[in-house]
Amino acid sequence: MVSPTNSRKVWTWTYSIMAYTYDYATLTITIPQSDLTLVTGTLYELNTNVFRLAVADEQDSERGMPYPDAIRHNTEVTVAGTTYARFIEIINGWSITFENGTYSVRLVGSNNNLFDVENGILNQNSVQVIPGNAAGLIVSGGGGSLTAQQIRDAMGLSSTSGQPDIDLKLNNIFAVSAS
């Protein structure tokens, strides 16, 4: 069931499966506290994949089709037996707001940008948002390979450990990664 409300000539639609509110005038998705999973005390979780699916359903509806996509999704990928997490990104000027209150929300189920205040994704209020992102591979901004010394510096290693067998292994690793 969908129920429209008209406030200041701005139509807001409320989805009854998940009671997220989609304000198409401001491109804002509001997430009520009641749609979060209580963990303990004032700590809640938002399964970001469930959130993504609910937003995708809304965007595929008659109401949502005329508006720009709100989410970009890259699914889980398994490489050599290791599964890397999905990535969910809020895009095209959309933002999210958690119902205001004194509680914390832990984001689970993906790497995502839902916590990004600086770029206008999260409309900050008194809710504390805890991202669960983890980096599997980091690409350097320089566009090229790092030198052995840059890697040593980043790892907090001196030029030599004082143990020849360890130094030889490190030098071999750095020589392979630089080639």
N, C-alpha and C. Protein backbone atom coordinates (compact mmCIF):
# COMPACT_ATOMS: atom_id res chain seq x y z
N MET A 1 0.84 -1.18 0.00
CA MET A 1 0.00 0.00 0.00
C MET A 1 0.89 1.24 0.00
N VAL A 2 0.50 2.19 -0.78
CA VAL A 2 1.23 3.45 -0.85
C VAL A 2 0.28 4.56 -0.48
N SER A 3 0.73 5.48 0.35
CA SER A 3 -0.14 6.58 0.74
C SER A 3 0.54 7.90 0.44
N PRO A 4 -0.05 8.71 -0.45
CA PRO A 4 0.54 10.01 -0.74
C PRO A 4 0.11 11.05 0.28
N THR A 5 0.99 11.98 0.55
CA THR A 5 0.63 13.14 1.36
C THR A 5 1.09 14.37 0.61
N ASN A 6 0.35 15.44 0.74
CA ASN A 6 0.70 16.66 0.04
C ASN A 6 1.01 17.73 1.07
N SER A 7 2.29 18.11 1.13
CA SER A 7 2.72 19.13 2.08
C SER A 7 3.43 20.23 1.30
N ARG A 8 2.89 21.44 1.31
CA ARG A 8 3.46 22.56 0.56
C ARG A 8 3.63 22.21 -0.92
N LYS A 9 2.68 21.50 -1.47
CA LYS A 9 2.68 21.10 -2.87
C LYS A 9 3.89 20.23 -3.23
N VAL A 10 4.42 19.51 -2.24
CA VAL A 10 5.49 18.54 -2.47
C VAL A 10 4.91 17.17 -2.15
N TRP A 11 4.89 16.30 -3.15
CA TRP A 11 4.34 14.97 -2.92
C TRP A 11 5.38 14.09 -2.29
N THR A 12 5.00 13.42 -1.21
CA THR A 12 5.86 12.46 -0.54
C THR A 12 5.11 11.13 -0.52
N TRP A 13 5.79 10.09 -0.91
CA TRP A 13 5.17 8.77 -0.95
C TRP A 13 5.77 7.91 0.14
N THR A 14 4.93 7.19 0.84
CA THR A 14 5.41 6.30 1.89
C THR A 14 5.15 4.87 1.46
N TYR A 15 6.18 4.07 1.47
CA TYR A 15 6.15 2.67 1.12
C TYR A 15 5.73 1.88 2.35
N SER A 16 4.73 1.01 2.27
CA SER A 16 4.28 0.34 3.48
C SER A 16 5.08 -0.92 3.79
N ILE A 17 5.83 -1.49 2.83
CA ILE A 17 6.67 -2.65 3.13
C ILE A 17 7.79 -2.19 4.05
N MET A 18 8.48 -1.20 3.64
CA MET A 18 9.45 -0.50 4.46
C MET A 18 8.93 0.92 4.47
N ALA A 19 8.81 1.53 5.60
CA ALA A 19 8.18 2.84 5.68
C ALA A 19 9.14 3.98 5.35
N TYR A 20 10.02 3.74 4.39
CA TYR A 20 10.89 4.82 3.95
C TYR A 20 10.04 5.87 3.26
N THR A 21 10.43 7.12 3.42
CA THR A 21 9.72 8.21 2.76
C THR A 21 10.62 8.75 1.66
N TYR A 22 10.07 8.90 0.48
CA TYR A 22 10.81 9.40 -0.68
C TYR A 22 10.30 10.79 -1.01
N ASP A 23 11.13 11.78 -0.80
CA ASP A 23 10.76 13.15 -1.14
C ASP A 23 11.41 13.46 -2.48
N TYR A 24 10.62 13.43 -3.52
CA TYR A 24 11.15 13.61 -4.88
C TYR A 24 11.53 15.05 -5.18
N ALA A 25 11.02 15.99 -4.41
CA ALA A 25 11.39 17.39 -4.62
C ALA A 25 12.82 17.65 -4.15
N THR A 26 13.21 17.01 -3.06
CA THR A 26 14.55 17.22 -2.51
C THR A 26 15.47 16.02 -2.74
N LEU A 27 14.94 14.95 -3.36
CA LEU A 27 15.69 13.71 -3.57
C LEU A 27 16.25 13.18 -2.25
N THR A 28 15.36 13.08 -1.26
CA THR A 28 15.74 12.61 0.07
C THR A 28 14.95 11.36 0.43
N ILE A 29 15.66 10.36 0.94
CA ILE A 29 15.02 9.15 1.46
C ILE A 29 15.14 9.21 2.97
N THR A 30 14.01 9.14 3.66
CA THR A 30 14.00 9.16 5.13
C THR A 30 13.74 7.76 5.64
N ILE A 31 14.59 7.32 6.57
CA ILE A 31 14.50 5.98 7.14
C ILE A 31 14.03 6.09 8.58
N PRO A 32 12.83 5.57 8.89
CA PRO A 32 12.33 5.65 10.27
C PRO A 32 13.05 4.66 11.18
N GLN A 33 13.16 4.99 12.44
CA GLN A 33 13.81 4.14 13.43
C GLN A 33 13.12 2.78 13.49
N SER A 34 11.82 2.74 13.27
CA SER A 34 11.06 1.49 13.36
C SER A 34 11.44 0.49 12.26
N ASP A 35 12.10 0.93 11.19
CA ASP A 35 12.55 0.03 10.14
C ASP A 35 13.97 -0.48 10.35
N LEU A 36 14.56 -0.14 11.48
CA LEU A 36 15.90 -0.61 11.81
C LEU A 36 15.79 -1.82 12.73
N THR A 37 16.83 -2.63 12.77
CA THR A 37 16.85 -3.81 13.64
C THR A 37 17.53 -3.44 14.95
N LEU A 38 16.81 -3.61 16.06
CA LEU A 38 17.37 -3.32 17.38
C LEU A 38 18.41 -4.38 17.71
N VAL A 39 19.62 -3.94 18.06
CA VAL A 39 20.69 -4.84 18.47
C VAL A 39 20.70 -4.92 20.00
N THR A 40 20.85 -3.79 20.63
CA THR A 40 20.82 -3.71 22.09
C THR A 40 20.76 -2.25 22.51
N GLY A 41 20.03 -1.96 23.57
CA GLY A 41 19.95 -0.59 24.09
C GLY A 41 19.52 0.40 23.03
N THR A 42 20.43 1.29 22.65
CA THR A 42 20.13 2.30 21.63
C THR A 42 20.90 2.04 20.34
N LEU A 43 21.41 0.82 20.17
CA LEU A 43 22.14 0.45 18.96
C LEU A 43 21.23 -0.32 18.02
N TYR A 44 21.12 0.17 16.78
CA TYR A 44 20.31 -0.45 15.75
C TYR A 44 21.20 -0.78 14.56
N GLU A 45 20.69 -1.64 13.67
CA GLU A 45 21.39 -1.94 12.43
C GLU A 45 20.48 -1.68 11.24
N LEU A 46 21.12 -1.25 10.14
CA LEU A 46 20.44 -1.15 8.86
C LEU A 46 21.14 -2.11 7.93
N ASN A 47 20.41 -3.13 7.46
CA ASN A 47 20.96 -4.03 6.45
C ASN A 47 20.90 -3.26 5.13
N THR A 48 22.05 -2.86 4.64
CA THR A 48 22.10 -1.97 3.48
C THR A 48 21.65 -2.68 2.20
N ASN A 49 21.74 -4.00 2.15
CA ASN A 49 21.24 -4.71 0.97
C ASN A 49 19.71 -4.71 0.96
N VAL A 50 19.09 -4.88 2.11
CA VAL A 50 17.62 -4.79 2.21
C VAL A 50 17.19 -3.37 1.84
N PHE A 51 17.92 -2.37 2.34
CA PHE A 51 17.64 -0.98 1.99
C PHE A 51 17.72 -0.78 0.48
N ARG A 52 18.78 -1.30 -0.15
CA ARG A 52 18.97 -1.17 -1.59
C ARG A 52 17.79 -1.78 -2.36
N LEU A 53 17.36 -2.97 -1.95
CA LEU A 53 16.26 -3.63 -2.64
C LEU A 53 14.95 -2.85 -2.51
N ALA A 54 14.70 -2.29 -1.33
CA ALA A 54 13.49 -1.48 -1.13
C ALA A 54 13.52 -0.22 -1.99
N VAL A 55 14.68 0.43 -2.06
CA VAL A 55 14.81 1.63 -2.89
C VAL A 55 14.67 1.27 -4.37
N ALA A 56 15.25 0.14 -4.77
CA ALA A 56 15.13 -0.30 -6.17
C ALA A 56 13.66 -0.56 -6.53
N ASP A 57 12.91 -1.17 -5.60
CA ASP A 57 11.47 -1.38 -5.84
C ASP A 57 10.75 -0.07 -6.04
N GLU A 58 11.05 0.91 -5.20
CA GLU A 58 10.41 2.23 -5.33
C GLU A 58 10.79 2.87 -6.66
N GLN A 59 12.05 2.76 -7.04
CA GLN A 59 12.51 3.39 -8.28
C GLN A 59 11.92 2.71 -9.51
N ASP A 60 11.54 1.44 -9.38
CA ASP A 60 10.91 0.72 -10.49
C ASP A 60 9.40 0.96 -10.56
N SER A 61 8.86 1.64 -9.57
CA SER A 61 7.41 1.89 -9.54
C SER A 61 7.06 3.06 -10.47
N GLU A 62 5.79 3.25 -10.69
CA GLU A 62 5.32 4.39 -11.51
C GLU A 62 5.80 5.71 -10.94
N ARG A 63 5.77 5.82 -9.60
CA ARG A 63 6.21 7.07 -8.96
C ARG A 63 7.69 7.33 -9.17
N GLY A 64 8.49 6.28 -9.06
CA GLY A 64 9.93 6.46 -9.07
C GLY A 64 10.59 6.53 -10.43
N MET A 65 9.93 5.98 -11.46
CA MET A 65 10.56 5.91 -12.78
C MET A 65 10.98 7.25 -13.37
N PRO A 66 10.22 8.32 -13.20
CA PRO A 66 10.63 9.59 -13.82
C PRO A 66 11.85 10.25 -13.18
N TYR A 67 12.27 9.76 -12.04
CA TYR A 67 13.34 10.43 -11.28
C TYR A 67 14.68 9.72 -11.49
N PRO A 68 15.77 10.44 -11.24
CA PRO A 68 17.09 9.82 -11.43
C PRO A 68 17.31 8.67 -10.45
N ASP A 69 18.09 7.69 -10.90
CA ASP A 69 18.43 6.56 -10.04
C ASP A 69 19.06 7.07 -8.75
N ALA A 70 18.74 6.40 -7.66
CA ALA A 70 19.27 6.79 -6.36
C ALA A 70 20.47 5.94 -5.95
N ILE A 71 20.59 4.75 -6.53
CA ILE A 71 21.61 3.81 -6.05
C ILE A 71 22.37 3.18 -7.22
N ARG A 72 23.68 3.07 -7.01
CA ARG A 72 24.54 2.26 -7.89
C ARG A 72 24.98 1.08 -7.04
N HIS A 73 24.92 -0.13 -7.64
CA HIS A 73 25.21 -1.34 -6.88
C HIS A 73 26.20 -2.22 -7.63
N ASN A 74 27.24 -2.64 -6.95
CA ASN A 74 28.17 -3.65 -7.45
C ASN A 74 28.06 -4.83 -6.51
N THR A 75 27.71 -6.00 -7.05
CA THR A 75 27.44 -7.16 -6.21
C THR A 75 28.73 -7.78 -5.66
N GLU A 76 28.56 -8.79 -4.83
CA GLU A 76 29.70 -9.51 -4.28
C GLU A 76 30.46 -10.19 -5.41
N VAL A 77 31.78 -10.25 -5.25
CA VAL A 77 32.64 -10.88 -6.25
C VAL A 77 33.56 -11.85 -5.52
N THR A 78 33.67 -13.07 -6.06
CA THR A 78 34.58 -14.05 -5.49
C THR A 78 35.79 -14.18 -6.39
N VAL A 79 36.96 -13.97 -5.81
CA VAL A 79 38.22 -14.08 -6.52
C VAL A 79 39.11 -15.04 -5.74
N ALA A 80 39.52 -16.12 -6.38
CA ALA A 80 40.41 -17.11 -5.78
C ALA A 80 39.91 -17.57 -4.41
N GLY A 81 38.61 -17.81 -4.31
CA GLY A 81 38.04 -18.33 -3.08
C GLY A 81 37.72 -17.29 -2.02
N THR A 82 38.05 -16.03 -2.26
CA THR A 82 37.75 -14.96 -1.31
C THR A 82 36.60 -14.13 -1.86
N THR A 83 35.55 -13.95 -1.07
CA THR A 83 34.40 -13.16 -1.51
C THR A 83 34.55 -11.74 -0.98
N TYR A 84 34.53 -10.79 -1.91
CA TYR A 84 34.63 -9.38 -1.56
C TYR A 84 33.21 -8.81 -1.47
N ALA A 85 33.01 -7.92 -0.53
CA ALA A 85 31.68 -7.38 -0.22
C ALA A 85 31.11 -6.56 -1.37
N ARG A 86 29.79 -6.53 -1.41
CA ARG A 86 29.09 -5.67 -2.37
C ARG A 86 29.35 -4.22 -2.02
N PHE A 87 29.14 -3.34 -3.01
CA PHE A 87 29.27 -1.91 -2.77
C PHE A 87 27.98 -1.24 -3.19
N ILE A 88 27.43 -0.42 -2.32
CA ILE A 88 26.20 0.32 -2.59
C ILE A 88 26.53 1.80 -2.46
N GLU A 89 26.15 2.56 -3.48
CA GLU A 89 26.49 3.98 -3.51
C GLU A 89 25.24 4.81 -3.81
N ILE A 90 24.98 5.81 -2.99
CA ILE A 90 23.91 6.77 -3.24
C ILE A 90 24.44 7.76 -4.28
N ILE A 91 23.66 8.00 -5.34
CA ILE A 91 24.13 8.82 -6.46
C ILE A 91 23.08 9.85 -6.89
N ASN A 92 23.46 10.66 -7.87
CA ASN A 92 22.56 11.61 -8.56
C ASN A 92 21.86 12.62 -7.65
N GLY A 93 22.56 13.07 -6.61
CA GLY A 93 21.99 14.11 -5.76
C GLY A 93 21.05 13.60 -4.68
N TRP A 94 20.83 12.29 -4.61
CA TRP A 94 19.98 11.73 -3.56
C TRP A 94 20.72 11.79 -2.23
N SER A 95 19.96 11.85 -1.15
CA SER A 95 20.54 11.82 0.19
C SER A 95 19.62 10.99 1.09
N ILE A 96 20.14 10.64 2.25
CA ILE A 96 19.33 9.89 3.21
C ILE A 96 19.32 10.62 4.55
N THR A 97 18.22 10.43 5.27
CA THR A 97 18.06 10.99 6.61
C THR A 97 17.49 9.89 7.49
N PHE A 98 18.10 9.67 8.64
CA PHE A 98 17.52 8.77 9.62
C PHE A 98 16.60 9.59 10.50
N GLU A 99 15.46 8.99 10.86
CA GLU A 99 14.53 9.67 11.77
C GLU A 99 15.32 10.16 12.98
N ASN A 100 15.15 11.43 13.31
CA ASN A 100 15.94 12.03 14.38
C ASN A 100 15.64 11.37 15.72
N GLY A 101 16.67 11.22 16.53
CA GLY A 101 16.54 10.63 17.85
C GLY A 101 17.92 10.39 18.43
N THR A 102 17.94 9.89 19.65
CA THR A 102 19.21 9.62 20.32
C THR A 102 19.47 8.12 20.25
N TYR A 103 20.03 7.69 19.13
CA TYR A 103 20.37 6.28 18.92
C TYR A 103 21.48 6.19 17.89
N SER A 104 22.06 5.01 17.77
CA SER A 104 23.13 4.76 16.80
C SER A 104 22.66 3.73 15.79
N VAL A 105 23.13 3.88 14.55
CA VAL A 105 22.81 2.95 13.48
C VAL A 105 24.10 2.39 12.91
N ARG A 106 24.23 1.08 12.97
CA ARG A 106 25.37 0.39 12.37
C ARG A 106 24.95 -0.08 10.98
N LEU A 107 25.72 0.30 9.96
CA LEU A 107 25.44 -0.10 8.58
C LEU A 107 26.09 -1.45 8.31
N VAL A 108 25.30 -2.45 7.93
CA VAL A 108 25.83 -3.79 7.68
C VAL A 108 25.40 -4.28 6.30
N GLY A 109 26.16 -5.23 5.76
CA GLY A 109 25.76 -5.89 4.52
C GLY A 109 26.45 -5.39 3.27
N SER A 110 27.25 -4.34 3.37
CA SER A 110 27.94 -3.83 2.18
C SER A 110 28.97 -2.79 2.57
N ASN A 111 29.84 -2.49 1.64
CA ASN A 111 30.61 -1.26 1.69
C ASN A 111 29.70 -0.22 1.05
N ASN A 112 29.67 0.98 1.56
CA ASN A 112 28.72 1.96 1.04
C ASN A 112 29.15 3.37 1.40
N ASN A 113 28.39 4.34 0.86
CA ASN A 113 28.67 5.75 1.16
C ASN A 113 27.51 6.39 1.94
N LEU A 114 26.67 5.60 2.57
CA LEU A 114 25.50 6.13 3.27
C LEU A 114 25.86 7.05 4.44
N PHE A 115 27.07 6.94 4.95
CA PHE A 115 27.49 7.73 6.11
C PHE A 115 28.17 9.03 5.71
N ASP A 116 28.26 9.32 4.42
CA ASP A 116 29.07 10.43 3.90
C ASP A 116 28.36 11.77 4.07
N VAL A 117 28.72 12.50 5.12
CA VAL A 117 28.16 13.82 5.40
C VAL A 117 28.81 14.86 4.49
N GLU A 118 30.12 14.75 4.31
CA GLU A 118 30.89 15.75 3.56
C GLU A 118 30.36 15.95 2.14
N ASN A 119 29.94 14.87 1.48
CA ASN A 119 29.45 14.97 0.11
C ASN A 119 27.93 15.01 0.02
N GLY A 120 27.27 15.27 1.14
CA GLY A 120 25.82 15.49 1.13
C GLY A 120 24.97 14.25 1.02
N ILE A 121 25.55 13.07 1.26
CA ILE A 121 24.76 11.84 1.18
C ILE A 121 23.92 11.67 2.44
N LEU A 122 24.54 11.82 3.60
CA LEU A 122 23.83 11.70 4.88
C LEU A 122 23.48 13.08 5.39
N ASN A 123 22.19 13.29 5.63
CA ASN A 123 21.74 14.52 6.26
C ASN A 123 21.89 14.31 7.76
N GLN A 124 22.88 14.95 8.33
CA GLN A 124 23.25 14.70 9.72
C GLN A 124 22.25 15.32 10.70
N ASN A 125 21.91 14.54 11.70
CA ASN A 125 21.11 15.00 12.82
C ASN A 125 21.71 14.37 14.07
N SER A 126 20.94 14.06 15.10
CA SER A 126 21.55 13.52 16.31
C SER A 126 21.76 12.01 16.28
N VAL A 127 21.43 11.35 15.19
CA VAL A 127 21.68 9.92 15.05
C VAL A 127 23.14 9.69 14.70
N GLN A 128 23.79 8.78 15.43
CA GLN A 128 25.18 8.43 15.13
C GLN A 128 25.16 7.27 14.15
N VAL A 129 25.83 7.43 13.01
CA VAL A 129 25.88 6.40 11.98
C VAL A 129 27.27 5.77 11.99
N ILE A 130 27.30 4.44 12.08
CA ILE A 130 28.56 3.70 12.18
C ILE A 130 28.75 2.88 10.91
N PRO A 131 29.69 3.29 10.05
CA PRO A 131 29.92 2.52 8.82
C PRO A 131 30.66 1.23 9.13
N GLY A 132 30.47 0.23 8.29
CA GLY A 132 31.17 -1.04 8.46
C GLY A 132 32.04 -1.35 7.26
N ASN A 133 32.50 -0.32 6.58
CA ASN A 133 33.29 -0.54 5.37
C ASN A 133 34.63 -1.17 5.69
N ALA A 134 35.11 -1.99 4.76
CA ALA A 134 36.43 -2.60 4.87
C ALA A 134 37.09 -2.57 3.50
N ALA A 135 38.35 -2.20 3.47
CA ALA A 135 39.08 -2.14 2.21
C ALA A 135 39.77 -3.47 1.96
N GLY A 136 39.54 -4.03 0.77
CA GLY A 136 40.22 -5.25 0.39
C GLY A 136 41.45 -4.93 -0.42
N LEU A 137 41.36 -3.93 -1.24
CA LEU A 137 42.47 -3.51 -2.08
C LEU A 137 42.44 -2.01 -2.16
N ILE A 138 43.56 -1.38 -1.95
CA ILE A 138 43.65 0.07 -2.02
C ILE A 138 44.53 0.44 -3.18
N VAL A 139 44.04 1.29 -4.06
CA VAL A 139 44.80 1.76 -5.20
C VAL A 139 45.39 3.10 -4.84
N SER A 140 46.70 3.26 -5.08
CA SER A 140 47.34 4.53 -4.74
C SER A 140 46.90 5.61 -5.71
N GLY A 141 46.86 6.85 -5.24
CA GLY A 141 46.43 7.97 -6.07
C GLY A 141 47.46 8.41 -7.08
N GLY A 142 48.69 7.91 -7.00
CA GLY A 142 49.76 8.34 -7.89
C GLY A 142 49.68 7.77 -9.29
N GLY A 143 48.84 6.76 -9.49
CA GLY A 143 48.70 6.18 -10.82
C GLY A 143 49.79 5.19 -11.16
N GLY A 144 50.77 5.01 -10.32
CA GLY A 144 51.84 4.06 -10.60
C GLY A 144 52.12 3.19 -9.40
N SER A 145 53.13 2.35 -9.53
CA SER A 145 53.50 1.46 -8.45
C SER A 145 54.24 2.24 -7.36
N LEU A 146 54.12 1.76 -6.16
CA LEU A 146 54.86 2.34 -5.06
C LEU A 146 56.28 1.77 -5.06
N THR A 147 57.22 2.54 -4.59
CA THR A 147 58.58 2.06 -4.47
C THR A 147 58.70 1.19 -3.22
N ALA A 148 59.74 0.39 -3.17
CA ALA A 148 59.98 -0.45 -2.00
C ALA A 148 60.06 0.41 -0.74
N GLN A 149 60.71 1.57 -0.83
CA GLN A 149 60.85 2.43 0.34
C GLN A 149 59.50 3.01 0.77
N GLN A 150 58.64 3.37 -0.20
CA GLN A 150 57.31 3.88 0.15
C GLN A 150 56.49 2.82 0.87
N ILE A 151 56.62 1.57 0.42
CA ILE A 151 55.90 0.48 1.08
C ILE A 151 56.46 0.27 2.49
N ARG A 152 57.78 0.28 2.61
CA ARG A 152 58.40 0.12 3.93
C ARG A 152 57.95 1.25 4.87
N ASP A 153 57.95 2.48 4.37
CA ASP A 153 57.53 3.62 5.18
C ASP A 153 56.08 3.47 5.63
N ALA A 154 55.20 3.06 4.70
CA ALA A 154 53.78 2.90 5.03
C ALA A 154 53.57 1.81 6.08
N MET A 155 54.44 0.79 6.04
CA MET A 155 54.33 -0.32 6.99
C MET A 155 55.09 -0.05 8.28
N GLY A 156 55.79 1.08 8.33
CA GLY A 156 56.56 1.42 9.52
C GLY A 156 57.82 0.59 9.66
N LEU A 157 58.37 0.13 8.53
CA LEU A 157 59.58 -0.68 8.56
C LEU A 157 60.79 0.18 8.25
N SER A 158 61.90 -0.12 8.90
CA SER A 158 63.13 0.58 8.57
C SER A 158 63.72 -0.05 7.31
N SER A 159 64.77 0.53 6.79
CA SER A 159 65.38 0.00 5.57
C SER A 159 65.89 -1.42 5.76
N THR A 160 66.31 -1.73 6.95
CA THR A 160 66.74 -3.11 7.26
C THR A 160 66.22 -3.49 8.62
N SER A 161 65.90 -4.75 8.76
CA SER A 161 65.41 -5.24 10.04
C SER A 161 66.54 -5.67 10.95
N GLY A 162 67.75 -5.81 10.37
CA GLY A 162 68.87 -6.32 11.15
C GLY A 162 68.95 -7.83 11.09
N GLN A 163 67.98 -8.46 10.41
CA GLN A 163 67.97 -9.92 10.24
C GLN A 163 68.03 -10.20 8.74
N PRO A 164 69.19 -10.70 8.24
CA PRO A 164 69.40 -10.85 6.80
C PRO A 164 68.33 -11.67 6.08
N ASP A 165 67.81 -12.74 6.71
CA ASP A 165 66.80 -13.56 6.01
C ASP A 165 65.49 -12.80 5.82
N ILE A 166 65.11 -12.01 6.80
CA ILE A 166 63.89 -11.20 6.68
C ILE A 166 64.09 -10.09 5.65
N ASP A 167 65.26 -9.44 5.68
CA ASP A 167 65.55 -8.38 4.70
C ASP A 167 65.52 -8.93 3.29
N LEU A 168 66.06 -10.14 3.07
CA LEU A 168 66.08 -10.75 1.74
C LEU A 168 64.65 -11.00 1.27
N LYS A 169 63.79 -11.54 2.16
CA LYS A 169 62.40 -11.80 1.79
C LYS A 169 61.67 -10.50 1.45
N LEU A 170 61.85 -9.47 2.27
CA LEU A 170 61.21 -8.18 1.99
C LEU A 170 61.70 -7.60 0.67
N ASN A 171 63.01 -7.67 0.43
CA ASN A 171 63.54 -7.15 -0.83
C ASN A 171 62.98 -7.91 -2.02
N ASN A 172 62.83 -9.23 -1.88
CA ASN A 172 62.25 -10.03 -2.98
C ASN A 172 60.79 -9.67 -3.21
N ILE A 173 60.04 -9.48 -2.14
CA ILE A 173 58.63 -9.08 -2.27
C ILE A 173 58.54 -7.73 -2.97
N PHE A 174 59.35 -6.78 -2.53
CA PHE A 174 59.31 -5.45 -3.13
C PHE A 174 59.78 -5.48 -4.57
N ALA A 175 60.74 -6.32 -4.89
CA ALA A 175 61.24 -6.42 -6.27
C ALA A 175 60.15 -6.98 -7.18
N VAL A 176 59.41 -7.98 -6.71
CA VAL A 176 58.32 -8.56 -7.51
C VAL A 176 57.20 -7.55 -7.69
N SER A 177 56.83 -6.83 -6.62
CA SER A 177 55.71 -5.89 -6.72
C SER A 177 56.06 -4.68 -7.58
N ALA A 178 57.33 -4.35 -7.68
CA ALA A 178 57.74 -3.19 -8.48
C ALA A 178 57.90 -3.53 -9.95
N SER A 179 57.97 -4.81 -10.28
CA SER A 179 58.20 -5.18 -11.69
C SER A 179 56.92 -5.30 -12.47
